Amino acid sequence: MLLGRVVGTLVASRKEETLEGLKLLVLRQVDVDDAETGGYVVAADAVGAGVGEVVLYATGSSARQTRLTKDRPCDAVIMAIVDTWEVGGEVRYRK
């Protein structure tokens, strides 16, 4: 699982039939200090996340193991919205 911040939405009016009904969001990976790292990824939203929220997401074959993405051609899925995280007894992020 990876931490990411939702930075945008993606709309595709023409797509593979099995992708119909999926909400697609653009994510930027963040580290435990809430600093943006890496590039961008488009992920299917399985939990109702919104722009600006920090989320947990999975990529690769793990992305196809949620109820929403099972047997769909997804390479990334948002599976949780983060409320808080703590590192070494110190709160590093709070929603």
C-alpha atoms as a PDB file:
ATOM      1  CA  MET A   1       0.000   0.000   0.000  1.00  0.00           C
ATOM      2  CA  LEU A   2       1.094   3.523  -0.747  1.00  0.00           C
ATOM      3  CA  LEU A   3       0.149   6.977   0.542  1.00  0.00           C
ATOM      4  CA  GLY A   4      -1.103   9.502  -1.982  1.00  0.00           C
ATOM      5  CA  ARG A   5      -2.880  12.843  -2.188  1.00  0.00           C
ATOM      6  CA  VAL A   6      -5.802  13.244  -4.572  1.00  0.00           C
ATOM      7  CA  VAL A   7      -4.812  16.131  -6.858  1.00  0.00           C
ATOM      8  CA  GLY A   8      -7.446  15.891  -9.555  1.00  0.00           C
ATOM      9  CA  THR A   9     -10.090  13.967 -11.431  1.00  0.00           C
ATOM     10  CA  LEU A  10     -10.034  12.197 -14.760  1.00  0.00           C
ATOM     11  CA  VAL A  11     -12.987  11.932 -17.128  1.00  0.00           C
ATOM     12  CA  ALA A  12     -12.916   9.598 -20.132  1.00  0.00           C
ATOM     13  CA  SER A  13     -16.090   9.585 -22.212  1.00  0.00           C
ATOM     14  CA  ARG A  14     -14.890   6.606 -24.272  1.00  0.00           C
ATOM     15  CA  LYS A  15     -13.397   3.681 -22.412  1.00  0.00           C
ATOM     16  CA  GLU A  16     -13.349  -0.093 -22.065  1.00  0.00           C
ATOM     17  CA  GLU A  17     -16.840  -1.300 -21.189  1.00  0.00           C
ATOM     18  CA  THR A  18     -15.735  -2.862 -17.893  1.00  0.00           C
ATOM     19  CA  LEU A  19     -14.522   0.557 -16.692  1.00  0.00           C
ATOM     20  CA  GLU A  20     -18.021   2.055 -16.910  1.00  0.00           C
ATOM     21  CA  GLY A  21     -19.166   3.424 -13.568  1.00  0.00           C
ATOM     22  CA  LEU A  22     -15.678   3.779 -12.057  1.00  0.00           C
ATOM     23  CA  LYS A  23     -14.694   7.174 -10.643  1.00  0.00           C
ATOM     24  CA  LEU A  24     -11.098   7.887 -11.674  1.00  0.00           C
ATOM     25  CA  LEU A  25      -8.866  10.190  -9.636  1.00  0.00           C
ATOM     26  CA  VAL A  26      -5.351  11.541 -10.178  1.00  0.00           C
ATOM     27  CA  LEU A  27      -2.986  10.906  -7.256  1.00  0.00           C
ATOM     28  CA  ARG A  28       0.457  12.135  -6.277  1.00  0.00           C
ATOM     29  CA  GLN A  29       2.452   9.853  -3.974  1.00  0.00           C
ATOM     30  CA  VAL A  30       3.411  11.347  -0.579  1.00  0.00           C
ATOM     31  CA  ASP A  31       5.871  10.213   2.093  1.00  0.00           C
ATOM     32  CA  VAL A  32       5.404   9.994   5.880  1.00  0.00           C
ATOM     33  CA  ASP A  33       6.245  13.693   6.192  1.00  0.00           C
ATOM     34  CA  ASP A  34       3.366  14.486   3.782  1.00  0.00           C
ATOM     35  CA  ALA A  35       5.836  15.649   1.104  1.00  0.00           C
ATOM     36  CA  GLU A  36       4.994  14.847  -2.514  1.00  0.00           C
ATOM     37  CA  THR A  37       7.263  12.255  -4.091  1.00  0.00           C
ATOM     38  CA  GLY A  38       7.296  10.392  -7.362  1.00  0.00           C
ATOM     39  CA  GLY A  39       4.964  10.996 -10.251  1.00  0.00           C
ATOM     40  CA  TYR A  40       1.251  10.863 -10.817  1.00  0.00           C
ATOM     41  CA  VAL A  41      -1.027   7.830 -10.995  1.00  0.00           C
ATOM     42  CA  VAL A  42      -4.644   7.427 -12.057  1.00  0.00           C
ATOM     43  CA  ALA A  43      -6.599   5.244  -9.635  1.00  0.00           C
ATOM     44  CA  ALA A  44     -10.118   3.867  -9.436  1.00  0.00           C
ATOM     45  CA  ASP A  45     -11.870   5.202  -6.339  1.00  0.00           C
ATOM     46  CA  ALA A  46     -13.420   2.434  -4.221  1.00  0.00           C
ATOM     47  CA  VAL A  47     -14.181   4.604  -1.158  1.00  0.00           C
ATOM     48  CA  GLY A  48     -15.525   8.004  -2.264  1.00  0.00           C
ATOM     49  CA  ALA A  49     -12.362  10.095  -1.895  1.00  0.00           C
ATOM     50  CA  GLY A  50     -12.169  13.726  -2.975  1.00  0.00           C
ATOM     51  CA  VAL A  51      -9.600  16.214  -4.201  1.00  0.00           C
ATOM     52  CA  GLY A  52      -7.145  17.202  -1.458  1.00  0.00           C
ATOM     53  CA  GLU A  53      -7.610  14.063   0.645  1.00  0.00           C
ATOM     54  CA  VAL A  54      -4.772  11.738   1.588  1.00  0.00           C
ATOM     55  CA  VAL A  55      -5.515   8.132   0.681  1.00  0.00           C
ATOM     56  CA  LEU A  56      -4.078   4.632   0.771  1.00  0.00           C
ATOM     57  CA  TYR A  57      -3.814   3.045  -2.644  1.00  0.00           C
ATOM     58  CA  ALA A  58      -2.543  -0.185  -4.146  1.00  0.00           C
ATOM     59  CA  THR A  59      -1.091  -0.845  -7.578  1.00  0.00           C
ATOM     60  CA  GLY A  60      -0.526  -3.845  -9.798  1.00  0.00           C
ATOM     61  CA  SER A  61      -2.478  -7.062  -9.327  1.00  0.00           C
ATOM     62  CA  SER A  62      -3.464  -5.971  -5.803  1.00  0.00           C
ATOM     63  CA  ALA A  63      -5.550  -3.207  -7.384  1.00  0.00           C
ATOM     64  CA  ARG A  64      -7.940  -5.811  -8.780  1.00  0.00           C
ATOM     65  CA  GLN A  65      -8.764  -7.327  -5.394  1.00  0.00           C
ATOM     66  CA  THR A  66     -11.458  -4.918  -4.177  1.00  0.00           C
ATOM     67  CA  ARG A  67     -15.139  -5.598  -4.766  1.00  0.00           C
ATOM     68  CA  LEU A  68     -15.326  -2.610  -7.100  1.00  0.00           C
ATOM     69  CA  THR A  69     -12.319  -3.515  -9.251  1.00  0.00           C
ATOM     70  CA  LYS A  70     -12.523  -7.323  -9.322  1.00  0.00           C
ATOM     71  CA  ASP A  71     -11.942  -8.593 -12.864  1.00  0.00           C
ATOM     72  CA  ARG A  72     -11.569  -5.052 -14.231  1.00  0.00           C
ATOM     73  CA  PRO A  73      -8.469  -3.729 -16.030  1.00  0.00           C
ATOM     74  CA  CYS A  74      -7.276  -1.476 -13.180  1.00  0.00           C
ATOM     75  CA  ASP A  75      -3.671  -0.919 -12.212  1.00  0.00           C
ATOM     76  CA  ALA A  76      -4.347   1.319  -9.183  1.00  0.00           C
ATOM     77  CA  VAL A  77      -7.188   1.566  -6.659  1.00  0.00           C
ATOM     78  CA  ILE A  78      -7.909   3.854  -3.716  1.00  0.00           C
ATOM     79  CA  MET A  79      -8.954   1.660  -0.798  1.00  0.00           C
ATOM     80  CA  ALA A  80      -8.926   3.996   2.214  1.00  0.00           C
ATOM     81  CA  ILE A  81      -9.120   7.671   3.156  1.00  0.00           C
ATOM     82  CA  VAL A  82      -6.494   8.525   5.781  1.00  0.00           C
ATOM     83  CA  ASP A  83      -7.623  10.289   8.962  1.00  0.00           C
ATOM     84  CA  THR A  84      -4.269  10.366  10.760  1.00  0.00           C
ATOM     85  CA  TRP A  85      -0.847   8.747  10.850  1.00  0.00           C
ATOM     86  CA  GLU A  86       1.807   8.552  13.507  1.00  0.00           C
ATOM     87  CA  VAL A  87       5.522   7.802  13.205  1.00  0.00           C
ATOM     88  CA  GLY A  88       7.676   7.097  16.254  1.00  0.00           C
ATOM     89  CA  GLY A  89       4.979   8.351  18.627  1.00  0.00           C
ATOM     90  CA  GLU A  90       4.640  11.645  16.758  1.00  0.00           C
ATOM     91  CA  VAL A  91       1.503  12.533  14.793  1.00  0.00           C
ATOM     92  CA  ARG A  92       2.690  13.481  11.303  1.00  0.00           C
ATOM     93  CA  TYR A  93      -0.693  13.966   9.647  1.00  0.00           C
ATOM     94  CA  ARG A  94      -4.227  14.672  10.811  1.00  0.00           C
ATOM     95  CA  LYS A  95      -7.121  15.249   8.445  1.00  0.00           C
END
